[in-house]
Amino acid sequence: MPSCARCADRGRSCVYPPSRSRAASSSRPLLSDALRGSVPRVEDGLLAEVAGNTSSRTANLILADDLMLDLEFPLMDSDFTAPSSLIQTPSAPATGADWFLAPETWRMSHRVDTSAAMPISKATTKKYVAVLQSWFERWVTTGSSPFIHPCLYSASSPACVQVAYTTLASYIHRTPANTDTVLQIIEDRSNDLLRENGVILDRVGAEEWADGGEQDVDLFAQLTRLHALMVYQIIGLFDGDIRSRHVAQGHIAVQDSWAGKLFHSAAKALSNTHAVATHLVGCLPTPSTYSQQQWYLWILSESIRRAWLVAVSLSTVFSALQQRWSACPGSVMYTNRSGLWNAASATEWEKHCLGRNVAFLQRLECARLFDDTEPADIDEFGTAILDFTSNGEALEKWRDRSGGL
């Protein structure tokens, strides 16, 4: 019988409950045709193919403009030190429920010393935007993506998510004749979402909005509204339409505020082990076993972590492209190991957790993956974050050492 670290430290026995721009064609995706083949999934060879083709293909990205030279972002390296209790050795599997719910796993970290920061190139930044665009498009076509789990909306799909989903679908299939209409719909639905959540128009002339909503909002509702807003933001910020960009810029502060509120609410709610299961009610399907409950809790918590990372990166990337610099939004823990996100059942998920290290790490400490793992061990989300934030030379050596995967 496995035991969790907390019980082992206290000399107790673990007790487990019994099992119970606009397009020229008639249909235009988020990505240009030239880039569509350059954003492969992990199983298609990670993102290495894109790296070798950025010079000709990234010029076709649907970006607002082409202002950036090099960006100074704090990258992950060995100087970042996480609390020892959070660091798993390569051979340590994840056991016990609190490996992903413990209070310390919800700490947001910021690097103090940025002297070792390496510049991120324009090509790398454009490639990351292309990856995010492909994920949103995949959600429309398949119902899931590397940050929207296939089970997340299987039991309940709130109205704001349904509206965002159908609006995104209409955007992907827009025509030259209806593009203006589609973009106006996106603007209206985005503004409606803000008003419905208590957001107020702070500066009317600049159309900047301020989050005036209540802090105590249901956790799932916070996640769904952020997903919906991110749909409108990735379109508005990177479509290239001047009006759409202006509107989306006025919503950036709200997106960042909602992401922060969501993460801090999750830290408070999900680290309370006595009431944690109540947050699954009205969200994911009703669990029938203890193992399934733990899987659903991981899906919810990991979805929140990934939503935060994608949301703050959208704001950061746009700011950097526009101003040639951007402040580091910080770092949170997320799961890197392949197999967990795509697990089709609680049994399969549990097998991955118990069989090997899940690489549950802070973004700023993910450089250790170059020593502890092979590229095939890291899932699509983790690979995209590594590609965007880590040293390019270290990435190349890592992949060359592993046979170019």
Protein backbone atom coordinates (compact mmCIF):
# COMPACT_ATOMS: atom_id res chain seq x y z
CA MET A 1 0.00 0.00 0.00
CA PRO A 2 1.57 3.35 -0.97
CA SER A 3 1.88 6.10 1.61
CA CYS A 4 2.00 9.86 1.22
CA ALA A 5 4.95 11.96 2.31
CA ARG A 6 2.93 13.76 5.00
CA CYS A 7 1.94 10.57 6.80
CA ALA A 8 5.45 9.13 6.43
CA ASP A 9 6.97 12.23 8.03
CA ARG A 10 4.52 12.00 10.94
CA GLY A 11 4.93 8.25 11.40
CA ARG A 12 1.28 7.58 10.64
CA SER A 13 -0.35 4.99 8.46
CA CYS A 14 -2.20 6.19 5.37
CA VAL A 15 -5.87 5.21 5.48
CA TYR A 16 -7.50 4.97 2.07
CA PRO A 17 -11.33 5.06 1.89
CA PRO A 18 -12.92 2.04 0.28
CA SER A 19 -13.42 2.16 -3.45
CA ARG A 20 -16.57 3.72 -4.28
CA SER A 21 -6.28 40.42 -41.58
CA ARG A 22 -9.02 38.71 -42.87
CA ALA A 23 -8.72 35.87 -45.18
CA ALA A 24 -8.60 35.55 -48.91
CA SER A 25 -10.19 32.10 -48.89
CA SER A 26 -13.76 31.12 -48.11
CA SER A 27 -12.78 29.67 -44.73
CA ARG A 28 -9.94 30.93 -42.56
CA PRO A 29 -8.51 29.22 -39.45
CA LEU A 30 -6.71 30.97 -36.63
CA LEU A 31 -3.42 29.99 -38.29
CA SER A 32 -2.44 30.84 -41.83
CA ASP A 33 -2.22 27.95 -44.29
CA ALA A 34 1.57 28.30 -44.36
CA LEU A 35 1.80 27.80 -40.61
CA ARG A 36 -0.82 25.08 -40.27
CA GLY A 37 1.68 22.33 -40.95
CA SER A 38 4.40 23.92 -38.85
CA VAL A 39 2.72 23.49 -35.46
CA PRO A 40 2.80 19.73 -34.91
CA ARG A 41 1.64 17.94 -31.82
CA VAL A 42 4.12 16.30 -29.52
CA GLU A 43 3.46 12.93 -31.10
CA ASP A 44 4.40 14.42 -34.47
CA GLY A 45 7.90 15.21 -33.27
CA LEU A 46 7.43 17.92 -30.62
CA LEU A 47 7.95 21.42 -31.95
CA ALA A 48 11.37 20.83 -33.41
CA GLU A 49 10.02 21.08 -36.95
CA VAL A 50 8.88 24.64 -36.31
CA ALA A 51 12.26 25.68 -34.97
CA GLY A 52 13.93 24.87 -38.24
CA ASN A 53 11.40 26.74 -40.36
CA THR A 54 10.68 29.97 -38.52
CA SER A 55 12.46 32.26 -40.97
CA SER A 56 9.96 31.79 -43.79
CA ARG A 57 6.84 30.68 -41.95
CA THR A 58 6.55 32.97 -38.96
CA ALA A 59 6.14 35.93 -41.29
CA ASN A 60 2.69 34.54 -42.08
CA LEU A 61 1.45 34.58 -38.47
CA ILE A 62 -1.68 36.58 -37.81
CA LEU A 63 0.08 39.02 -35.46
CA ALA A 64 -0.89 42.59 -34.74
CA ASP A 65 2.41 43.95 -35.97
CA ASP A 66 6.11 43.26 -36.25
CA LEU A 67 7.67 45.56 -33.68
CA MET A 68 9.87 43.31 -31.61
CA LEU A 69 13.59 42.61 -31.76
CA ASP A 70 14.67 40.59 -28.71
CA LEU A 71 12.82 40.23 -25.41
CA GLU A 72 14.37 39.97 -22.00
CA PHE A 73 12.35 37.41 -20.07
CA PRO A 74 13.50 35.60 -16.94
CA LEU A 75 14.20 32.11 -18.19
CA MET A 76 14.43 29.01 -16.07
CA ASP A 77 17.83 27.91 -14.95
CA SER A 78 19.65 26.27 -12.08
CA ASP A 79 19.73 29.50 -10.06
CA PHE A 80 16.05 29.09 -9.18
CA THR A 81 15.56 27.14 -5.96
CA ALA A 82 12.20 25.69 -5.07
CA PRO A 83 11.35 24.51 -1.55
CA SER A 84 12.88 21.09 -1.03
CA SER A 85 9.48 19.62 -0.19
CA LEU A 86 8.29 20.34 -3.72
CA ILE A 87 11.15 18.77 -5.63
CA GLN A 88 10.65 15.18 -6.68
CA THR A 89 13.62 13.06 -7.58
CA PRO A 90 13.49 11.36 -11.00
CA SER A 91 12.65 8.03 -9.42
CA ALA A 92 9.97 9.27 -7.03
CA PRO A 93 6.38 8.58 -8.10
CA ALA A 94 3.51 10.77 -6.92
CA THR A 95 1.73 9.14 -4.00
CA GLY A 96 -0.98 10.52 -1.77
CA ALA A 97 -3.66 13.05 -2.62
CA ASP A 98 -1.74 16.13 -1.60
CA TRP A 99 1.05 15.96 -4.17
CA PHE A 100 -1.02 18.36 -6.26
CA LEU A 101 -3.28 19.95 -3.60
CA ALA A 102 -0.93 20.75 -0.72
CA PRO A 103 -0.78 24.47 0.20
CA GLU A 104 2.87 24.77 -0.87
CA THR A 105 1.99 23.66 -4.41
CA TRP A 106 -0.06 26.84 -4.84
CA ARG A 107 2.79 29.24 -4.12
CA MET A 108 3.50 31.71 -6.87
CA SER A 109 7.22 32.26 -7.35
CA HIS A 110 9.15 35.18 -8.76
CA ARG A 111 12.82 35.20 -9.55
CA VAL A 112 14.71 37.82 -7.57
CA ASP A 113 17.90 37.81 -9.63
CA THR A 114 17.21 38.41 -13.34
CA SER A 115 20.87 38.89 -14.30
CA ALA A 116 20.93 35.45 -15.91
CA ALA A 117 17.88 36.16 -18.07
CA MET A 118 18.35 35.28 -21.73
CA PRO A 119 16.66 37.10 -24.62
CA ILE A 120 13.76 35.40 -26.36
CA SER A 121 13.76 35.97 -30.09
CA LYS A 122 10.94 37.29 -32.21
CA ALA A 123 10.76 33.96 -34.04
CA THR A 124 10.36 32.06 -30.75
CA THR A 125 7.63 34.41 -29.60
CA LYS A 126 5.72 34.12 -32.88
CA LYS A 127 6.02 30.36 -32.75
CA TYR A 128 4.52 30.34 -29.24
CA VAL A 129 1.57 32.48 -30.39
CA ALA A 130 1.04 30.05 -33.28
CA VAL A 131 0.99 27.14 -30.84
CA LEU A 132 -1.62 28.85 -28.65
CA GLN A 133 -3.74 29.65 -31.70
CA SER A 134 -3.60 26.01 -32.78
CA TRP A 135 -4.75 24.92 -29.31
CA PHE A 136 -7.81 27.16 -29.41
CA GLU A 137 -8.63 25.88 -32.89
CA ARG A 138 -8.21 22.29 -31.70
CA TRP A 139 -10.69 22.91 -28.88
CA VAL A 140 -13.32 23.80 -31.51
CA THR A 141 -12.55 20.80 -33.71
CA THR A 142 -11.99 18.13 -31.02
CA GLY A 143 -13.52 19.46 -27.80
CA SER A 144 -10.23 19.59 -25.91
CA SER A 145 -6.72 21.02 -26.01
CA PRO A 146 -3.54 20.93 -23.92
CA PHE A 147 -5.14 23.41 -21.48
CA ILE A 148 -8.84 22.46 -21.75
CA HIS A 149 -9.25 18.88 -20.55
CA PRO A 150 -11.73 16.64 -22.45
CA CYS A 151 -13.55 15.85 -19.19
CA LEU A 152 -13.76 19.43 -17.94
CA TYR A 153 -16.98 20.37 -19.72
CA SER A 154 -18.37 16.87 -20.17
CA ALA A 155 -20.92 17.27 -17.36
CA SER A 156 -21.57 21.00 -17.42
CA SER A 157 -20.87 23.59 -20.10
CA PRO A 158 -21.82 27.06 -18.82
CA ALA A 159 -23.44 29.57 -21.16
CA CYS A 160 -20.37 31.80 -21.33
CA VAL A 161 -18.25 28.88 -22.57
CA GLN A 162 -20.90 27.85 -25.12
CA VAL A 163 -21.07 31.39 -26.48
CA ALA A 164 -17.28 31.65 -26.69
CA TYR A 165 -17.05 28.25 -28.37
CA THR A 166 -19.59 29.06 -31.08
CA THR A 167 -18.12 32.54 -31.57
CA LEU A 168 -14.66 31.05 -32.05
CA ALA A 169 -16.06 28.55 -34.55
CA SER A 170 -17.66 31.36 -36.54
CA TYR A 171 -14.35 33.24 -36.50
CA ILE A 172 -12.40 30.22 -37.76
CA HIS A 173 -14.85 29.78 -40.65
CA ARG A 174 -15.32 33.47 -41.45
CA THR A 175 -15.30 34.68 -45.06
CA PRO A 176 -14.05 37.95 -46.55
CA ALA A 177 -17.67 39.04 -46.88
CA ASN A 178 -18.64 38.47 -43.22
CA THR A 179 -15.36 39.19 -41.38
CA ASP A 180 -16.45 42.62 -40.14
CA THR A 181 -19.68 41.15 -38.81
CA VAL A 182 -17.84 38.33 -37.01
CA LEU A 183 -15.36 40.74 -35.41
CA GLN A 184 -18.23 42.95 -34.23
CA ILE A 185 -19.89 39.92 -32.66
CA ILE A 186 -16.63 39.06 -30.87
CA GLU A 187 -16.40 42.61 -29.50
CA ASP A 188 -20.02 42.57 -28.32
CA ARG A 189 -19.80 39.14 -26.70
CA SER A 190 -16.55 40.05 -24.98
CA ASN A 191 -18.04 43.24 -23.53
CA ASP A 192 -21.17 41.32 -22.48
CA LEU A 193 -19.02 38.79 -20.61
CA LEU A 194 -17.32 41.58 -18.68
CA ARG A 195 -20.57 43.33 -17.78
CA GLU A 196 -22.16 40.07 -16.63
CA ASN A 197 -19.27 39.65 -14.18
CA GLY A 198 -19.41 43.11 -12.66
CA VAL A 199 -16.62 44.67 -14.71
CA ILE A 200 -16.96 48.39 -15.26
CA LEU A 201 -15.77 50.69 -18.04
CA ASP A 202 -13.00 52.53 -16.19
CA ARG A 203 -11.84 54.95 -18.87
CA VAL A 204 -14.55 55.54 -21.45
CA GLY A 205 -12.35 57.33 -23.98
CA ALA A 206 -9.64 54.66 -23.94
CA GLU A 207 -12.21 51.87 -23.48
CA GLU A 208 -10.25 50.41 -20.59
CA TRP A 209 -12.15 48.19 -18.18
CA ALA A 210 -11.58 47.54 -14.48
CA ASP A 211 -12.56 44.41 -12.56
CA GLY A 212 -15.16 45.45 -10.02
CA GLY A 213 -16.61 41.99 -9.48
CA GLU A 214 -16.86 40.12 -6.20
CA GLN A 215 -13.86 38.11 -5.00
CA ASP A 216 -15.95 35.22 -3.70
CA VAL A 217 -17.09 33.60 -6.94
CA ASP A 218 -17.55 29.87 -7.47
CA LEU A 219 -14.26 28.27 -8.52
CA PHE A 220 -15.62 26.60 -11.64
CA ALA A 221 -17.39 29.81 -12.66
CA GLN A 222 -14.10 31.67 -12.39
CA LEU A 223 -12.36 29.12 -14.60
CA THR A 224 -15.09 29.15 -17.24
CA ARG A 225 -15.26 32.94 -17.52
CA LEU A 226 -11.47 33.07 -17.91
CA HIS A 227 -11.58 30.45 -20.69
CA ALA A 228 -14.28 32.48 -22.44
CA LEU A 229 -12.38 35.75 -22.16
CA MET A 230 -9.16 34.12 -23.43
CA VAL A 231 -11.02 33.13 -26.62
CA TYR A 232 -11.91 36.74 -27.33
CA GLN A 233 -8.47 37.99 -26.31
CA ILE A 234 -6.38 35.74 -28.55
CA ILE A 235 -8.55 36.79 -31.49
CA GLY A 236 -8.56 40.49 -30.67
CA LEU A 237 -4.89 40.84 -29.82
CA PHE A 238 -3.51 38.88 -32.77
CA ASP A 239 -6.04 39.11 -35.60
CA GLY A 240 -4.49 42.29 -36.99
CA ASP A 241 -7.72 44.28 -37.08
CA ILE A 242 -7.04 47.69 -35.50
CA ARG A 243 -10.42 48.01 -33.78
CA SER A 244 -10.29 44.47 -32.40
CA ARG A 245 -6.80 45.02 -31.03
CA HIS A 246 -7.88 48.26 -29.34
CA VAL A 247 -10.83 46.55 -27.63
CA ALA A 248 -8.75 43.57 -26.50
CA GLN A 249 -6.05 45.83 -25.07
CA GLY A 250 -8.69 47.45 -22.87
CA HIS A 251 -9.56 43.99 -21.51
CA ILE A 252 -6.00 42.90 -20.63
CA ALA A 253 -6.21 44.19 -17.04
CA VAL A 254 -9.43 42.24 -16.50
CA GLN A 255 -7.93 39.04 -17.92
CA ASP A 256 -4.92 39.35 -15.61
CA SER A 257 -7.18 40.12 -12.65
CA TRP A 258 -9.43 37.12 -13.32
CA ALA A 259 -6.42 34.83 -13.73
CA GLY A 260 -4.98 36.02 -10.41
CA LYS A 261 -8.29 35.69 -8.58
CA LEU A 262 -8.81 32.20 -9.96
CA PHE A 263 -5.41 30.97 -8.87
CA HIS A 264 -5.63 32.47 -5.37
CA SER A 265 -9.18 31.16 -4.93
CA ALA A 266 -8.00 27.68 -5.94
CA ALA A 267 -5.10 27.88 -3.50
CA LYS A 268 -7.55 28.63 -0.69
CA ALA A 269 -10.31 26.21 -1.70
CA LEU A 270 -8.46 23.15 -2.99
CA SER A 271 -5.85 22.97 -0.24
CA ASN A 272 -8.67 22.45 2.30
CA THR A 273 -8.70 18.65 2.24
CA HIS A 274 -11.90 18.38 4.31
CA ALA A 275 -14.10 20.19 1.81
CA VAL A 276 -12.15 19.82 -1.41
CA ALA A 277 -14.55 17.33 -3.03
CA THR A 278 -17.41 19.84 -2.84
CA HIS A 279 -15.78 21.82 -5.64
CA LEU A 280 -16.51 18.97 -8.05
CA VAL A 281 -20.27 19.38 -7.58
CA GLY A 282 -21.84 20.92 -10.68
CA CYS A 283 -18.51 20.76 -12.46
CA LEU A 284 -17.09 17.38 -13.45
CA PRO A 285 -19.13 14.15 -13.48
CA THR A 286 -20.00 12.67 -10.08
CA PRO A 287 -17.12 10.37 -9.05
CA SER A 288 -18.01 6.76 -8.25
CA THR A 289 -14.72 5.80 -6.56
CA TYR A 290 -12.08 7.48 -4.45
CA SER A 291 -9.57 7.09 -7.28
CA GLN A 292 -11.93 8.79 -9.69
CA GLN A 293 -12.47 11.63 -7.24
CA GLN A 294 -8.72 12.21 -7.04
CA TRP A 295 -8.46 12.17 -10.84
CA TYR A 296 -11.23 14.73 -11.17
CA LEU A 297 -9.60 16.94 -8.54
CA TRP A 298 -6.34 16.79 -10.46
CA ILE A 299 -8.15 17.66 -13.70
CA LEU A 300 -9.73 20.71 -12.04
CA SER A 301 -6.54 21.87 -10.32
CA GLU A 302 -4.31 21.27 -13.34
CA SER A 303 -6.81 23.05 -15.59
CA ILE A 304 -6.63 26.07 -13.30
CA ARG A 305 -2.83 26.05 -13.35
CA ARG A 306 -2.68 25.80 -17.13
CA ALA A 307 -5.37 28.45 -17.61
CA TRP A 308 -3.33 30.83 -15.47
CA LEU A 309 -0.16 30.14 -17.45
CA VAL A 310 -1.85 30.64 -20.83
CA ALA A 311 -3.73 33.77 -19.71
CA VAL A 312 -0.71 35.59 -18.28
CA SER A 313 1.45 34.54 -21.23
CA LEU A 314 -1.05 36.09 -23.65
CA SER A 315 -0.74 39.43 -21.89
CA THR A 316 3.02 39.12 -21.53
CA VAL A 317 3.64 38.22 -25.16
CA PHE A 318 1.44 41.00 -26.49
CA SER A 319 3.10 43.57 -24.23
CA ALA A 320 6.55 42.38 -25.30
CA LEU A 321 5.69 42.52 -28.98
CA GLN A 322 4.29 46.00 -28.57
CA GLN A 323 6.90 47.51 -26.22
CA ARG A 324 9.91 45.21 -26.76
CA TRP A 325 9.87 44.24 -23.07
CA SER A 326 7.50 42.78 -20.52
CA ALA A 327 7.53 42.09 -16.81
CA CYS A 328 7.75 38.46 -15.75
CA PRO A 329 4.30 37.41 -14.46
CA GLY A 330 5.77 34.79 -12.12
CA SER A 331 5.78 31.03 -11.96
CA VAL A 332 3.38 28.35 -10.74
CA MET A 333 3.59 24.58 -10.52
CA TYR A 334 2.14 22.37 -13.25
CA THR A 335 2.47 18.77 -14.43
CA ASN A 336 4.92 18.09 -17.27
CA ARG A 337 4.91 14.30 -17.56
CA SER A 338 3.26 12.87 -20.67
CA GLY A 339 0.36 10.49 -20.18
CA LEU A 340 -1.45 12.18 -17.29
CA TRP A 341 -3.36 14.82 -19.24
CA ASN A 342 -4.42 12.35 -21.94
CA ALA A 343 -5.33 9.53 -19.54
CA ALA A 344 -8.75 8.16 -20.47
CA SER A 345 -9.64 6.88 -17.00
CA ALA A 346 -8.81 7.24 -13.33
CA THR A 347 -7.04 3.88 -13.44
CA GLU A 348 -4.77 4.97 -16.29
CA TRP A 349 -4.07 8.31 -14.59
CA GLU A 350 -3.24 6.60 -11.30
CA LYS A 351 -0.91 4.18 -13.05
CA HIS A 352 1.06 7.11 -14.51
CA CYS A 353 1.21 8.79 -11.10
CA LEU A 354 2.49 5.71 -9.27
CA GLY A 355 4.80 4.42 -11.96
CA ARG A 356 7.21 7.34 -12.38
CA ASN A 357 7.97 10.93 -11.50
CA VAL A 358 5.20 13.21 -12.78
CA ALA A 359 7.54 16.21 -13.21
CA PHE A 360 5.28 18.49 -11.19
CA LEU A 361 7.47 21.58 -11.15
CA GLN A 362 7.57 25.34 -11.07
CA ARG A 363 8.11 26.86 -14.53
CA LEU A 364 11.35 28.45 -13.33
CA GLU A 365 12.81 25.12 -12.28
CA CYS A 366 11.94 23.14 -15.40
CA ALA A 367 15.53 23.33 -16.68
CA ARG A 368 16.17 20.26 -14.54
CA LEU A 369 14.05 18.31 -17.02
CA PHE A 370 16.99 18.46 -19.43
CA ASP A 371 18.94 16.24 -17.02
CA ASP A 372 16.14 14.07 -15.67
CA THR A 373 13.95 13.28 -18.68
CA GLU A 374 13.81 12.58 -22.39
CA PRO A 375 11.78 14.82 -24.75
CA ALA A 376 9.19 12.06 -25.22
CA ASP A 377 8.58 12.09 -21.45
CA ILE A 378 7.19 15.64 -21.52
CA ASP A 379 3.64 16.33 -22.66
CA GLU A 380 2.55 18.87 -25.26
CA PHE A 381 1.85 21.65 -22.78
CA GLY A 382 5.17 21.25 -20.99
CA THR A 383 7.00 21.11 -24.31
CA ALA A 384 5.45 24.40 -25.47
CA ILE A 385 6.45 26.13 -22.22
CA LEU A 386 9.99 24.76 -22.53
CA ASP A 387 10.22 25.92 -26.14
CA PHE A 388 9.08 29.41 -25.23
CA THR A 389 10.95 30.06 -21.99
CA SER A 390 14.13 28.00 -21.95
CA ASN A 391 17.55 28.48 -23.44
CA GLY A 392 17.53 27.47 -27.11
CA GLU A 393 20.99 25.93 -26.99
CA ALA A 394 20.08 23.78 -23.99
CA LEU A 395 16.93 22.64 -25.79
CA GLU A 396 18.89 21.69 -28.89
CA LYS A 397 21.45 19.69 -26.89
CA TRP A 398 18.64 17.93 -25.01
CA ARG A 399 16.94 16.86 -28.23
CA ASP A 400 20.19 15.91 -29.96
CA ARG A 401 21.15 13.77 -27.00
CA SER A 402 17.80 12.01 -27.30
CA GLY A 403 18.09 11.30 -30.99
CA GLY A 404 16.48 14.50 -32.23
CA LEU A 405 12.98 13.80 -30.83
